[in-house]
Protein backbone atom coordinates (compact mmCIF):
# COMPACT_ATOMS: atom_id res chain seq x y z
CA MET A 1 -27.53 122.70 118.06
CA LYS A 2 -26.27 125.76 120.04
CA THR A 3 -28.30 128.71 119.09
CA THR A 4 -27.71 132.04 119.71
CA ILE A 5 -29.91 134.94 118.99
CA ILE A 6 -29.46 138.58 118.51
CA ILE A 7 -31.45 141.57 119.09
CA GLY A 8 -30.73 145.17 119.34
CA HIS A 9 -34.59 146.88 119.51
CA PRO A 10 -34.13 149.62 122.09
CA TYR A 11 -37.74 149.18 123.14
CA PRO A 12 -38.08 146.14 126.08
CA LYS A 13 -42.19 146.18 124.77
CA SER A 14 -41.65 145.92 121.06
CA PHE A 15 -43.06 142.81 118.95
CA ASN A 16 -39.90 142.29 118.62
CA TYR A 17 -38.62 141.24 122.06
CA ALA A 18 -42.43 139.09 121.78
CA ILE A 19 -40.27 137.13 119.16
CA LEU A 20 -37.42 136.91 121.49
CA GLU A 21 -39.33 135.63 124.51
CA ARG A 22 -41.36 132.95 121.91
CA ILE A 23 -37.97 131.48 120.39
CA GLU A 24 -35.86 131.15 124.24
CA ARG A 25 -39.03 129.06 125.17
CA LYS A 26 -38.59 126.81 122.63
CA THR A 27 -34.37 126.71 122.98
CA ASN A 28 -31.94 126.88 125.16
CA ALA A 29 -30.39 129.81 123.45
CA THR A 30 -27.26 132.03 124.31
CA VAL A 31 -28.51 135.99 123.26
CA ILE A 32 -26.66 138.71 122.68
CA ASN A 33 -28.89 141.84 123.40
CA LEU A 34 -26.92 145.16 122.53
CA VAL A 35 -29.08 147.91 124.20
CA THR A 36 -29.01 145.88 127.78
CA ASP A 37 -24.70 145.17 126.63
CA ASN A 38 -24.53 148.84 126.04
CA PHE A 39 -22.75 147.87 122.80
CA ASN A 40 -21.55 150.90 121.13
CA PRO A 41 -21.92 150.62 117.42
CA ALA A 42 -19.46 152.92 116.19
CA MET A 43 -16.43 152.41 114.60
CA LEU A 44 -13.62 154.92 116.71
CA SER A 45 -10.44 155.55 115.80
CA ASN A 46 -8.78 152.82 118.18
CA ASP A 47 -11.47 150.47 116.91
CA LEU A 48 -10.26 150.90 113.10
CA ALA A 49 -6.70 151.21 114.50
CA GLY A 50 -6.85 147.97 114.49
CA PHE A 51 -9.31 146.81 112.68
CA SER A 52 -7.01 145.48 109.70
CA ARG A 53 -5.73 143.13 111.52
CA GLY A 54 -8.39 141.75 113.34
CA GLN A 55 -7.65 143.45 116.64
CA PHE A 56 -10.17 144.93 118.48
CA SER A 57 -10.79 147.87 121.84
CA ASP A 58 -13.86 146.55 123.13
CA PRO A 59 -14.52 143.76 125.50
CA LEU A 60 -17.52 143.10 124.13
CA VAL A 61 -16.34 142.15 120.77
CA GLY A 62 -14.04 139.53 122.37
CA LYS A 63 -17.23 138.31 124.13
CA TYR A 64 -19.18 138.11 121.12
CA GLN A 65 -16.69 136.49 118.85
CA LYS A 66 -16.66 133.55 121.58
CA ILE A 67 -19.76 133.18 121.72
CA LEU A 68 -20.12 132.96 117.87
CA SER A 69 -17.14 130.94 117.50
CA GLU A 70 -19.41 128.14 119.60
CA THR A 71 -22.88 129.13 117.52
CA GLU A 72 -24.20 126.25 115.26
CA LYS A 73 -27.73 128.24 114.93
CA LEU A 74 -27.34 131.99 114.67
CA ILE A 75 -30.72 133.94 114.51
CA ILE A 76 -31.10 137.27 114.34
CA ILE A 77 -34.12 139.20 115.43
CA THR A 78 -34.22 143.14 113.79
CA PRO A 79 -36.68 145.91 113.03
CA ILE A 80 -36.03 147.53 109.60
CA TRP A 81 -35.47 150.94 109.67
CA TRP A 82 -35.70 153.05 107.01
CA TYR A 83 -35.12 150.25 104.75
CA GLY A 84 -32.39 149.31 106.32
CA LEU A 85 -31.14 147.68 109.75
CA PRO A 86 -30.60 149.65 112.49
CA SER A 87 -27.32 150.92 113.35
CA ILE A 88 -26.23 148.72 116.37
CA TYR A 89 -26.51 146.11 113.75
CA LYS A 90 -24.28 147.26 111.12
CA GLY A 91 -21.82 148.22 113.71
CA PHE A 92 -22.62 144.60 114.76
CA LEU A 93 -21.25 143.34 111.53
CA ASP A 94 -18.31 146.03 111.37
CA LYS A 95 -16.91 145.99 114.55
CA VAL A 96 -17.25 141.94 115.36
CA MET A 97 -16.54 140.41 112.40
CA LEU A 98 -13.60 140.73 111.60
CA LYS A 99 -10.82 140.10 109.79
CA GLY A 100 -9.19 136.55 111.08
CA PHE A 101 -12.07 135.79 113.11
CA ALA A 102 -15.19 135.67 110.15
CA TYR A 103 -12.95 135.86 106.82
CA ASP A 104 -9.86 135.71 105.93
CA GLU A 105 -8.46 137.25 102.51
CA GLU A 106 -6.98 135.44 99.55
CA LYS A 107 -5.75 137.12 96.31
CA GLY A 108 -8.63 139.80 96.22
CA ARG A 109 -11.55 136.94 97.77
CA LEU A 110 -12.93 136.97 100.85
CA ILE A 111 -12.98 133.54 103.05
CA GLY A 112 -15.36 133.07 105.04
CA LYS A 113 -14.21 131.31 108.56
CA LEU A 114 -17.52 131.10 110.20
CA LYS A 115 -18.55 127.38 109.15
CA ASN A 116 -19.25 126.44 112.36
CA ILE A 117 -23.00 128.70 111.89
CA LYS A 118 -24.76 125.94 109.78
CA GLU A 119 -28.16 127.89 109.75
CA THR A 120 -28.52 131.38 110.22
CA ILE A 121 -32.60 132.84 110.41
CA ILE A 122 -33.15 136.68 110.16
CA ILE A 123 -36.00 137.72 111.61
CA THR A 124 -37.27 141.22 110.86
CA THR A 125 -40.86 143.78 111.61
CA ALA A 126 -41.40 146.56 109.99
CA GLU A 127 -44.25 148.74 108.71
CA ALA A 128 -43.43 148.04 104.69
CA PRO A 129 -44.57 144.17 104.02
CA ARG A 130 -42.09 141.64 102.49
CA TRP A 131 -42.57 142.21 99.01
CA TYR A 132 -41.93 145.96 99.03
CA ILE A 133 -39.11 145.78 100.76
CA LYS A 134 -37.94 143.21 98.58
CA TYR A 135 -38.33 144.98 95.12
CA PHE A 136 -39.08 148.55 96.05
CA ALA A 137 -36.50 149.50 98.72
CA GLY A 138 -33.24 148.02 98.26
CA ASN A 139 -33.98 144.85 99.29
CA PRO A 140 -31.04 145.12 102.08
CA ILE A 141 -31.92 141.24 103.74
CA LYS A 142 -30.42 139.91 99.82
CA ALA A 143 -27.24 142.52 100.39
CA LEU A 144 -26.81 140.57 104.09
CA LYS A 145 -27.63 136.52 102.46
CA LYS A 146 -25.54 136.84 99.67
CA ARG A 147 -22.50 139.21 100.38
CA VAL A 148 -22.23 140.08 103.67
CA PHE A 149 -22.75 136.22 104.99
CA LYS A 150 -21.73 134.27 102.68
CA ASP A 151 -18.53 136.31 102.70
CA MET A 152 -17.82 135.42 106.37
CA GLY A 153 -18.83 131.48 105.92
CA LEU A 154 -22.71 131.49 106.26
CA LYS A 155 -25.13 129.31 104.82
CA ASN A 156 -28.33 128.28 104.77
CA VAL A 157 -29.78 132.12 105.12
CA LYS A 158 -33.89 132.39 105.75
CA TRP A 159 -35.50 135.66 105.80
CA VAL A 160 -38.75 135.63 107.82
CA HIS A 161 -40.52 138.83 107.62
CA GLN A 162 -43.68 140.72 109.38
CA GLY A 163 -44.63 143.38 107.54
CA ASN A 164 -47.55 145.92 108.14
CA ILE A 165 -46.45 145.68 112.07
CA LYS A 166 -48.60 148.88 113.39
CA LYS A 167 -51.33 147.62 111.63
CA ILE A 168 -51.83 143.98 112.22
CA THR A 169 -54.21 142.11 114.39
CA GLN A 170 -53.41 140.75 117.58
CA GLU A 171 -54.54 137.49 116.06
CA LYS A 172 -52.10 137.72 113.14
CA ARG A 173 -49.37 138.39 115.44
CA ILE A 174 -49.65 135.23 117.39
CA LYS A 175 -49.92 133.56 114.22
CA PHE A 176 -46.56 135.10 113.05
CA LEU A 177 -45.10 134.11 116.54
CA ASP A 178 -46.75 130.63 116.11
CA TYR A 179 -44.79 130.47 112.69
CA VAL A 180 -41.43 131.83 114.12
CA GLU A 181 -41.25 129.32 117.02
CA LYS A 182 -42.15 126.18 114.47
CA ILE A 183 -39.09 127.05 112.69
């Protein structure tokens, strides 16, 4: 199964990178590192000009679309900041998941095209625990799973979260890494 990992944390010594390293040991995954690729998440006028026609001006978009079109398992590693994903991930969705690539429109409905991706795992870290994000902070992952990813044709979406990231012990970090490695 061809696996692709997306990471966009700006600090290479973060726990997100420890997760990435652990997963890379277990898989022969392609890594899309939005930070080291210098991906610009801003939707600029030249990006917007072709947006409704599924066209792009950023060459990284074409590179990412090619990778995703060959992906069967997608893993997204991200922190949750201010109860949502950092802007680099939102920009990735805005600029890469274009009409004609990730979806088509039919009678006002979106029809997902990324059916080659059989499994998606979102691995998040945050200071807030999962229950707080889920019930009191707007649950940004629910919107991703139930709307955004569904509209792109992604199925079998799982959310794995490590909260209290600044306070957990090294033992709990290793236990979480072991769990992530298993799934």
